[in-house]
Amino acid sequence: MPHPDFELYDNVGRDADQIAAAHYGIATRDDLLRWAKRDAEPFLAQHPLPEQSLPSPDLRPYLDALATAETPAQASAVTRHLLDAAEPVL
């Protein structure tokens, strides 16, 4: 067990989410998003989504991919891709 005087320094460079995750032994939000993206890569290869956003993006590729999504990681990847494409418009 580390000395209590040094516990403060164990958290240098960490944000609050990382400190809480380490304390409770859980994953951070960034970890979950990174893992979902990794797990959805084969799905996104089968369902290519538009690279560029347009002022009024065609939602059909997103809706088609979302309809065939079977896991939360796949649905998250499609939704995040759509939100990233719509961000400049918003």
PDB file of N, CA and C in Angstrom:
ATOM      1  N   MET A   1       0.846  -1.176   0.000  1.00  0.00           N
ATOM      2  CA  MET A   1       0.000   0.000   0.000  1.00  0.00           C
ATOM      3  C   MET A   1       0.891   1.239   0.000  1.00  0.00           C
ATOM      4  N   PRO A   2       0.594   2.193  -0.894  1.00  0.00           N
ATOM      5  CA  PRO A   2       1.447   3.373  -0.968  1.00  0.00           C
ATOM      6  C   PRO A   2       1.313   4.234   0.287  1.00  0.00           C
ATOM      7  N   HIS A   3       2.357   4.972   0.528  1.00  0.00           N
ATOM      8  CA  HIS A   3       2.368   5.899   1.658  1.00  0.00           C
ATOM      9  C   HIS A   3       1.355   7.012   1.396  1.00  0.00           C
ATOM     10  N   PRO A   4       0.524   7.414   2.383  1.00  0.00           N
ATOM     11  CA  PRO A   4      -0.516   8.429   2.167  1.00  0.00           C
ATOM     12  C   PRO A   4       0.019   9.767   1.655  1.00  0.00           C
ATOM     13  N   ASP A   5       1.263  10.096   1.990  1.00  0.00           N
ATOM     14  CA  ASP A   5       1.824  11.363   1.510  1.00  0.00           C
ATOM     15  C   ASP A   5       2.040  11.353   0.000  1.00  0.00           C
ATOM     16  N   PHE A   6       2.140  10.166  -0.583  1.00  0.00           N
ATOM     17  CA  PHE A   6       2.423  10.083  -2.002  1.00  0.00           C
ATOM     18  C   PHE A   6       1.183   9.795  -2.849  1.00  0.00           C
ATOM     19  N   GLU A   7       0.029   9.560  -2.239  1.00  0.00           N
ATOM     20  CA  GLU A   7      -1.187   9.272  -2.997  1.00  0.00           C
ATOM     21  C   GLU A   7      -1.561  10.432  -3.923  1.00  0.00           C
ATOM     22  N   LEU A   8      -1.360  11.666  -3.463  1.00  0.00           N
ATOM     23  CA  LEU A   8      -1.671  12.824  -4.286  1.00  0.00           C
ATOM     24  C   LEU A   8      -0.888  12.780  -5.586  1.00  0.00           C
ATOM     25  N   TYR A   9       0.366  12.372  -5.526  1.00  0.00           N
ATOM     26  CA  TYR A   9       1.227  12.379  -6.699  1.00  0.00           C
ATOM     27  C   TYR A   9       0.903  11.235  -7.663  1.00  0.00           C
ATOM     28  N   ASP A  10       0.230  10.204  -7.182  1.00  0.00           N
ATOM     29  CA  ASP A  10      -0.176   9.119  -8.069  1.00  0.00           C
ATOM     30  C   ASP A  10      -1.212   9.600  -9.079  1.00  0.00           C
ATOM     31  N   ASN A  11      -1.890  10.699  -8.796  1.00  0.00           N
ATOM     32  CA  ASN A  11      -2.949  11.196  -9.667  1.00  0.00           C
ATOM     33  C   ASN A  11      -2.511  12.347 -10.564  1.00  0.00           C
ATOM     34  N   VAL A  12      -1.246  12.703 -10.536  1.00  0.00           N
ATOM     35  CA  VAL A  12      -0.759  13.793 -11.369  1.00  0.00           C
ATOM     36  C   VAL A  12      -0.945  13.414 -12.835  1.00  0.00           C
ATOM     37  N   GLY A  13      -1.560  14.311 -13.592  1.00  0.00           N
ATOM     38  CA  GLY A  13      -1.794  14.074 -15.010  1.00  0.00           C
ATOM     39  C   GLY A  13      -3.087  13.355 -15.318  1.00  0.00           C
ATOM     40  N   ARG A  14      -3.831  12.959 -14.312  1.00  0.00           N
ATOM     41  CA  ARG A  14      -5.111  12.275 -14.527  1.00  0.00           C
ATOM     42  C   ARG A  14      -6.248  13.265 -14.349  1.00  0.00           C
ATOM     43  N   ASP A  15      -7.339  13.038 -15.095  1.00  0.00           N
ATOM     44  CA  ASP A  15      -8.529  13.854 -14.871  1.00  0.00           C
ATOM     45  C   ASP A  15      -9.426  13.157 -13.850  1.00  0.00           C
ATOM     46  N   ALA A  16     -10.495  13.811 -13.465  1.00  0.00           N
ATOM     47  CA  ALA A  16     -11.377  13.275 -12.419  1.00  0.00           C
ATOM     48  C   ALA A  16     -11.977  11.930 -12.814  1.00  0.00           C
ATOM     49  N   ASP A  17     -12.311  11.763 -14.093  1.00  0.00           N
ATOM     50  CA  ASP A  17     -12.890  10.504 -14.561  1.00  0.00           C
ATOM     51  C   ASP A  17     -11.882   9.362 -14.408  1.00  0.00           C
ATOM     52  N   GLN A  18     -10.628   9.626 -14.733  1.00  0.00           N
ATOM     53  CA  GLN A  18      -9.598   8.596 -14.607  1.00  0.00           C
ATOM     54  C   GLN A  18      -9.330   8.250 -13.147  1.00  0.00           C
ATOM     55  N   ILE A  19      -9.333   9.245 -12.284  1.00  0.00           N
ATOM     56  CA  ILE A  19      -9.103   9.001 -10.858  1.00  0.00           C
ATOM     57  C   ILE A  19     -10.234   8.162 -10.273  1.00  0.00           C
ATOM     58  N   ALA A  20     -11.476   8.521 -10.588  1.00  0.00           N
ATOM     59  CA  ALA A  20     -12.625   7.757 -10.089  1.00  0.00           C
ATOM     60  C   ALA A  20     -12.612   6.335 -10.632  1.00  0.00           C
ATOM     61  N   ALA A  21     -12.287   6.182 -11.917  1.00  0.00           N
ATOM     62  CA  ALA A  21     -12.251   4.847 -12.513  1.00  0.00           C
ATOM     63  C   ALA A  21     -11.192   3.980 -11.845  1.00  0.00           C
ATOM     64  N   ALA A  22     -10.031   4.551 -11.564  1.00  0.00           N
ATOM     65  CA  ALA A  22      -8.969   3.790 -10.901  1.00  0.00           C
ATOM     66  C   ALA A  22      -9.389   3.429  -9.478  1.00  0.00           C
ATOM     67  N   HIS A  23     -10.047   4.338  -8.799  1.00  0.00           N
ATOM     68  CA  HIS A  23     -10.482   4.100  -7.418  1.00  0.00           C
ATOM     69  C   HIS A  23     -11.513   2.971  -7.342  1.00  0.00           C
ATOM     70  N   TYR A  24     -12.481   2.974  -8.271  1.00  0.00           N
ATOM     71  CA  TYR A  24     -13.556   1.979  -8.239  1.00  0.00           C
ATOM     72  C   TYR A  24     -13.293   0.757  -9.109  1.00  0.00           C
ATOM     73  N   GLY A  25     -12.191   0.761  -9.849  1.00  0.00           N
ATOM     74  CA  GLY A  25     -11.862  -0.378 -10.697  1.00  0.00           C
ATOM     75  C   GLY A  25     -12.786  -0.523 -11.895  1.00  0.00           C
ATOM     76  N   ILE A  26     -13.189   0.607 -12.488  1.00  0.00           N
ATOM     77  CA  ILE A  26     -14.091   0.590 -13.641  1.00  0.00           C
ATOM     78  C   ILE A  26     -13.421   1.284 -14.821  1.00  0.00           C
ATOM     79  N   ALA A  27     -14.028   1.176 -15.981  1.00  0.00           N
ATOM     80  CA  ALA A  27     -13.505   1.818 -17.184  1.00  0.00           C
ATOM     81  C   ALA A  27     -13.954   3.280 -17.239  1.00  0.00           C
ATOM     82  N   THR A  28     -13.141   4.106 -17.871  1.00  0.00           N
ATOM     83  CA  THR A  28     -13.511   5.506 -18.066  1.00  0.00           C
ATOM     84  C   THR A  28     -14.428   5.619 -19.274  1.00  0.00           C
ATOM     85  N   ARG A  29     -15.053   6.765 -19.436  1.00  0.00           N
ATOM     86  CA  ARG A  29     -15.905   7.011 -20.598  1.00  0.00           C
ATOM     87  C   ARG A  29     -15.083   6.899 -21.880  1.00  0.00           C
ATOM     88  N   ASP A  30     -13.864   7.451 -21.864  1.00  0.00           N
ATOM     89  CA  ASP A  30     -12.999   7.371 -23.040  1.00  0.00           C
ATOM     90  C   ASP A  30     -12.624   5.928 -23.370  1.00  0.00           C
ATOM     91  N   ASP A  31     -12.394   5.117 -22.345  1.00  0.00           N
ATOM     92  CA  ASP A  31     -12.112   3.696 -22.576  1.00  0.00           C
ATOM     93  C   ASP A  31     -13.286   3.026 -23.277  1.00  0.00           C
ATOM     94  N   LEU A  32     -14.484   3.265 -22.778  1.00  0.00           N
ATOM     95  CA  LEU A  32     -15.679   2.645 -23.372  1.00  0.00           C
ATOM     96  C   LEU A  32     -15.866   3.072 -24.819  1.00  0.00           C
ATOM     97  N   LEU A  33     -15.671   4.356 -25.118  1.00  0.00           N
ATOM     98  CA  LEU A  33     -15.812   4.832 -26.494  1.00  0.00           C
ATOM     99  C   LEU A  33     -14.740   4.236 -27.401  1.00  0.00           C
ATOM    100  N   ARG A  34     -13.505   4.138 -26.903  1.00  0.00           N
ATOM    101  CA  ARG A  34     -12.413   3.561 -27.695  1.00  0.00           C
ATOM    102  C   ARG A  34     -12.678   2.084 -27.975  1.00  0.00           C
ATOM    103  N   TRP A  35     -13.151   1.343 -26.974  1.00  0.00           N
ATOM    104  CA  TRP A  35     -13.443  -0.072 -27.169  1.00  0.00           C
ATOM    105  C   TRP A  35     -14.615  -0.279 -28.115  1.00  0.00           C
ATOM    106  N   ALA A  36     -15.635   0.564 -28.021  1.00  0.00           N
ATOM    107  CA  ALA A  36     -16.784   0.453 -28.928  1.00  0.00           C
ATOM    108  C   ALA A  36     -16.348   0.711 -30.366  1.00  0.00           C
ATOM    109  N   LYS A  37     -15.484   1.700 -30.558  1.00  0.00           N
ATOM    110  CA  LYS A  37     -14.990   2.009 -31.906  1.00  0.00           C
ATOM    111  C   LYS A  37     -14.200   0.831 -32.459  1.00  0.00           C
ATOM    112  N   ARG A  38     -13.345   0.243 -31.631  1.00  0.00           N
ATOM    113  CA  ARG A  38     -12.552  -0.919 -32.048  1.00  0.00           C
ATOM    114  C   ARG A  38     -13.461  -2.099 -32.406  1.00  0.00           C
ATOM    115  N   ASP A  39     -14.451  -2.368 -31.570  1.00  0.00           N
ATOM    116  CA  ASP A  39     -15.344  -3.506 -31.793  1.00  0.00           C
ATOM    117  C   ASP A  39     -16.232  -3.325 -33.018  1.00  0.00           C
ATOM    118  N   ALA A  40     -16.471  -2.075 -33.434  1.00  0.00           N
ATOM    119  CA  ALA A  40     -17.359  -1.808 -34.561  1.00  0.00           C
ATOM    120  C   ALA A  40     -16.621  -1.695 -35.892  1.00  0.00           C
ATOM    121  N   GLU A  41     -15.295  -1.784 -35.897  1.00  0.00           N
ATOM    122  CA  GLU A  41     -14.549  -1.616 -37.146  1.00  0.00           C
ATOM    123  C   GLU A  41     -14.977  -2.596 -38.242  1.00  0.00           C
ATOM    124  N   PRO A  42     -15.135  -3.905 -37.959  1.00  0.00           N
ATOM    125  CA  PRO A  42     -15.581  -4.820 -39.021  1.00  0.00           C
ATOM    126  C   PRO A  42     -16.985  -4.457 -39.539  1.00  0.00           C
ATOM    127  N   PHE A  43     -17.851  -4.042 -38.642  1.00  0.00           N
ATOM    128  CA  PHE A  43     -19.205  -3.644 -39.032  1.00  0.00           C
ATOM    129  C   PHE A  43     -19.163  -2.427 -39.957  1.00  0.00           C
ATOM    130  N   LEU A  44     -18.356  -1.425 -39.615  1.00  0.00           N
ATOM    131  CA  LEU A  44     -18.264  -0.227 -40.441  1.00  0.00           C
ATOM    132  C   LEU A  44     -17.614  -0.515 -41.794  1.00  0.00           C
ATOM    133  N   ALA A  45     -16.750  -1.526 -41.853  1.00  0.00           N
ATOM    134  CA  ALA A  45     -16.163  -1.917 -43.135  1.00  0.00           C
ATOM    135  C   ALA A  45     -17.240  -2.491 -44.064  1.00  0.00           C
ATOM    136  N   GLN A  46     -18.223  -3.175 -43.489  1.00  0.00           N
ATOM    137  CA  GLN A  46     -19.319  -3.743 -44.279  1.00  0.00           C
ATOM    138  C   GLN A  46     -20.377  -2.702 -44.626  1.00  0.00           C
ATOM    139  N   HIS A  47     -20.468  -1.646 -43.832  1.00  0.00           N
ATOM    140  CA  HIS A  47     -21.475  -0.601 -44.020  1.00  0.00           C
ATOM    141  C   HIS A  47     -20.773   0.754 -44.108  1.00  0.00           C
ATOM    142  N   PRO A  48     -20.170   1.057 -45.258  1.00  0.00           N
ATOM    143  CA  PRO A  48     -19.439   2.327 -45.369  1.00  0.00           C
ATOM    144  C   PRO A  48     -20.392   3.523 -45.237  1.00  0.00           C
ATOM    145  N   LEU A  49     -19.951   4.494 -44.481  1.00  0.00           N
ATOM    146  CA  LEU A  49     -20.731   5.710 -44.258  1.00  0.00           C
ATOM    147  C   LEU A  49     -20.039   6.872 -44.955  1.00  0.00           C
ATOM    148  N   PRO A  50     -20.794   7.894 -45.337  1.00  0.00           N
ATOM    149  CA  PRO A  50     -20.193   9.030 -46.051  1.00  0.00           C
ATOM    150  C   PRO A  50     -19.062   9.668 -45.251  1.00  0.00           C
ATOM    151  N   GLU A  51     -18.008  10.074 -45.954  1.00  0.00           N
ATOM    152  CA  GLU A  51     -16.864  10.717 -45.312  1.00  0.00           C
ATOM    153  C   GLU A  51     -17.111  12.202 -45.073  1.00  0.00           C
ATOM    154  N   GLN A  52     -17.702  12.868 -46.015  1.00  0.00           N
ATOM    155  CA  GLN A  52     -17.923  14.310 -45.925  1.00  0.00           C
ATOM    156  C   GLN A  52     -19.371  14.599 -45.550  1.00  0.00           C
ATOM    157  N   SER A  53     -19.537  15.650 -44.780  1.00  0.00           N
ATOM    158  CA  SER A  53     -20.903  16.067 -44.451  1.00  0.00           C
ATOM    159  C   SER A  53     -21.340  17.137 -45.444  1.00  0.00           C
ATOM    160  N   LEU A  54     -22.594  17.139 -45.721  1.00  0.00           N
ATOM    161  CA  LEU A  54     -23.187  18.151 -46.582  1.00  0.00           C
ATOM    162  C   LEU A  54     -24.134  18.987 -45.734  1.00  0.00           C
ATOM    163  N   PRO A  55     -24.523  20.166 -46.202  1.00  0.00           N
ATOM    164  CA  PRO A  55     -25.476  20.951 -45.412  1.00  0.00           C
ATOM    165  C   PRO A  55     -26.734  20.167 -45.034  1.00  0.00           C
ATOM    166  N   SER A  56     -27.201  19.303 -45.927  1.00  0.00           N
ATOM    167  CA  SER A  56     -28.325  18.426 -45.585  1.00  0.00           C
ATOM    168  C   SER A  56     -27.900  17.001 -45.936  1.00  0.00           C
ATOM    169  N   PRO A  57     -27.237  16.302 -45.000  1.00  0.00           N
ATOM    170  CA  PRO A  57     -26.694  14.976 -45.314  1.00  0.00           C
ATOM    171  C   PRO A  57     -27.796  13.968 -45.624  1.00  0.00           C
ATOM    172  N   ASP A  58     -27.485  13.073 -46.536  1.00  0.00           N
ATOM    173  CA  ASP A  58     -28.396  11.977 -46.852  1.00  0.00           C
ATOM    174  C   ASP A  58     -28.348  10.988 -45.692  1.00  0.00           C
ATOM    175  N   LEU A  59     -29.470  10.789 -45.051  1.00  0.00           N
ATOM    176  CA  LEU A  59     -29.521   9.932 -43.869  1.00  0.00           C
ATOM    177  C   LEU A  59     -29.659   8.448 -44.188  1.00  0.00           C
ATOM    178  N   ARG A  60     -29.932   8.105 -45.460  1.00  0.00           N
ATOM    179  CA  ARG A  60     -30.178   6.709 -45.803  1.00  0.00           C
ATOM    180  C   ARG A  60     -29.040   5.767 -45.403  1.00  0.00           C
ATOM    181  N   PRO A  61     -27.757   6.080 -45.692  1.00  0.00           N
ATOM    182  CA  PRO A  61     -26.694   5.147 -45.278  1.00  0.00           C
ATOM    183  C   PRO A  61     -26.640   4.952 -43.757  1.00  0.00           C
ATOM    184  N   TYR A  62     -26.901   6.027 -43.024  1.00  0.00           N
ATOM    185  CA  TYR A  62     -26.881   5.933 -41.562  1.00  0.00           C
ATOM    186  C   TYR A  62     -28.055   5.092 -41.051  1.00  0.00           C
ATOM    187  N   LEU A  63     -29.226   5.314 -41.622  1.00  0.00           N
ATOM    188  CA  LEU A  63     -30.408   4.566 -41.194  1.00  0.00           C
ATOM    189  C   LEU A  63     -30.290   3.097 -41.565  1.00  0.00           C
ATOM    190  N   ASP A  64     -29.740   2.814 -42.749  1.00  0.00           N
ATOM    191  CA  ASP A  64     -29.542   1.422 -43.163  1.00  0.00           C
ATOM    192  C   ASP A  64     -28.560   0.712 -42.232  1.00  0.00           C
ATOM    193  N   ALA A  65     -27.451   1.386 -41.929  1.00  0.00           N
ATOM    194  CA  ALA A  65     -26.455   0.788 -41.044  1.00  0.00           C
ATOM    195  C   ALA A  65     -27.024   0.621 -39.636  1.00  0.00           C
ATOM    196  N   LEU A  66     -27.770   1.603 -39.177  1.00  0.00           N
ATOM    197  CA  LEU A  66     -28.357   1.517 -37.840  1.00  0.00           C
ATOM    198  C   LEU A  66     -29.381   0.391 -37.758  1.00  0.00           C
ATOM    199  N   ALA A  67     -30.117   0.157 -38.836  1.00  0.00           N
ATOM    200  CA  ALA A  67     -31.117  -0.910 -38.855  1.00  0.00           C
ATOM    201  C   ALA A  67     -30.470  -2.298 -38.784  1.00  0.00           C
ATOM    202  N   THR A  68     -29.239  -2.418 -39.290  1.00  0.00           N
ATOM    203  CA  THR A  68     -28.571  -3.723 -39.263  1.00  0.00           C
ATOM    204  C   THR A  68     -27.633  -3.881 -38.070  1.00  0.00           C
ATOM    205  N   ALA A  69     -27.474  -2.839 -37.277  1.00  0.00           N
ATOM    206  CA  ALA A  69     -26.607  -2.923 -36.096  1.00  0.00           C
ATOM    207  C   ALA A  69     -27.168  -3.938 -35.115  1.00  0.00           C
ATOM    208  N   GLU A  70     -26.293  -4.800 -34.608  1.00  0.00           N
ATOM    209  CA  GLU A  70     -26.717  -5.846 -33.681  1.00  0.00           C
ATOM    210  C   GLU A  70     -26.181  -5.656 -32.271  1.00  0.00           C
ATOM    211  N   THR A  71     -25.180  -4.817 -32.116  1.00  0.00           N
ATOM    212  CA  THR A  71     -24.585  -4.615 -30.800  1.00  0.00           C
ATOM    213  C   THR A  71     -24.608  -3.132 -30.443  1.00  0.00           C
ATOM    214  N   PRO A  72     -24.510  -2.820 -29.162  1.00  0.00           N
ATOM    215  CA  PRO A  72     -24.430  -1.413 -28.770  1.00  0.00           C
ATOM    216  C   PRO A  72     -23.217  -0.712 -29.372  1.00  0.00           C
ATOM    217  N   ALA A  73     -22.104  -1.425 -29.548  1.00  0.00           N
ATOM    218  CA  ALA A  73     -20.909  -0.821 -30.141  1.00  0.00           C
ATOM    219  C   ALA A  73     -21.170  -0.406 -31.579  1.00  0.00           C
ATOM    220  N   GLN A  74     -21.896  -1.231 -32.322  1.00  0.00           N
ATOM    221  CA  GLN A  74     -22.210  -0.898 -33.711  1.00  0.00           C
ATOM    222  C   GLN A  74     -23.155   0.291 -33.786  1.00  0.00           C
ATOM    223  N   ALA A  75     -24.182   0.294 -32.967  1.00  0.00           N
ATOM    224  CA  ALA A  75     -25.124   1.425 -32.959  1.00  0.00           C
ATOM    225  C   ALA A  75     -24.419   2.706 -32.533  1.00  0.00           C
ATOM    226  N   SER A  76     -23.536   2.608 -31.564  1.00  0.00           N
ATOM    227  CA  SER A  76     -22.786   3.776 -31.107  1.00  0.00           C
ATOM    228  C   SER A  76     -21.889   4.316 -32.214  1.00  0.00           C
ATOM    229  N   ALA A  77     -21.229   3.430 -32.953  1.00  0.00           N
ATOM    230  CA  ALA A  77     -20.340   3.872 -34.024  1.00  0.00           C
ATOM    231  C   ALA A  77     -21.112   4.619 -35.108  1.00  0.00           C
ATOM    232  N   VAL A  78     -22.273   4.115 -35.499  1.00  0.00           N
ATOM    233  CA  VAL A  78     -23.083   4.778 -36.521  1.00  0.00           C
ATOM    234  C   VAL A  78     -23.572   6.132 -36.008  1.00  0.00           C
ATOM    235  N   THR A  79     -24.075   6.168 -34.790  1.00  0.00           N
ATOM    236  CA  THR A  79     -24.595   7.409 -34.216  1.00  0.00           C
ATOM    237  C   THR A  79     -23.505   8.455 -34.076  1.00  0.00           C
ATOM    238  N   ARG A  80     -22.328   8.045 -33.578  1.00  0.00           N
ATOM    239  CA  ARG A  80     -21.224   8.997 -33.425  1.00  0.00           C
ATOM    240  C   ARG A  80     -20.751   9.514 -34.779  1.00  0.00           C
ATOM    241  N   HIS A  81     -20.733   8.640 -35.794  1.00  0.00           N
ATOM    242  CA  HIS A  81     -20.327   9.064 -37.133  1.00  0.00           C
ATOM    243  C   HIS A  81     -21.307  10.100 -37.671  1.00  0.00           C
ATOM    244  N   LEU A  82     -22.585   9.876 -37.469  1.00  0.00           N
ATOM    245  CA  LEU A  82     -23.603  10.829 -37.916  1.00  0.00           C
ATOM    246  C   LEU A  82     -23.463  12.158 -37.181  1.00  0.00           C
ATOM    247  N   LEU A  83     -23.275  12.120 -35.885  1.00  0.00           N
ATOM    248  CA  LEU A  83     -23.124  13.356 -35.109  1.00  0.00           C
ATOM    249  C   LEU A  83     -21.861  14.107 -35.510  1.00  0.00           C
ATOM    250  N   ASP A  84     -20.781  13.388 -35.786  1.00  0.00           N
ATOM    251  CA  ASP A  84     -19.553  14.044 -36.237  1.00  0.00           C
ATOM    252  C   ASP A  84     -19.750  14.703 -37.602  1.00  0.00           C
ATOM    253  N   ALA A  85     -20.535  14.042 -38.476  1.00  0.00           N
ATOM    254  CA  ALA A  85     -20.809  14.616 -39.796  1.00  0.00           C
ATOM    255  C   ALA A  85     -21.712  15.838 -39.706  1.00  0.00           C
ATOM    256  N   ALA A  86     -22.620  15.848 -38.740  1.00  0.00           N
ATOM    257  CA  ALA A  86     -23.572  16.951 -38.617  1.00  0.00           C
ATOM    258  C   ALA A  86     -23.019  18.117 -37.811  1.00  0.00           C
ATOM    259  N   GLU A  87     -21.933  17.926 -37.093  1.00  0.00           N
ATOM    260  CA  GLU A  87     -21.408  18.970 -36.210  1.00  0.00           C
ATOM    261  C   GLU A  87     -21.114  20.282 -36.921  1.00  0.00           C
ATOM    262  N   PRO A  88     -20.480  20.293 -38.096  1.00  0.00           N
ATOM    263  CA  PRO A  88     -20.232  21.580 -38.750  1.00  0.00           C
ATOM    264  C   PRO A  88     -21.521  22.329 -39.122  1.00  0.00           C
ATOM    265  N   VAL A  89     -22.567  21.583 -39.427  1.00  0.00           N
ATOM    266  CA  VAL A  89     -23.840  22.196 -39.792  1.00  0.00           C
ATOM    267  C   VAL A  89     -24.513  22.803 -38.562  1.00  0.00           C
ATOM    268  N   LEU A  90     -24.397  22.082 -37.445  1.00  0.00           N
ATOM    269  CA  LEU A  90     -25.029  22.560 -36.221  1.00  0.00           C
ATOM    270  C   LEU A  90     -24.319  23.764 -35.692  1.00  0.00           C
TER     271      LEU A  90
END
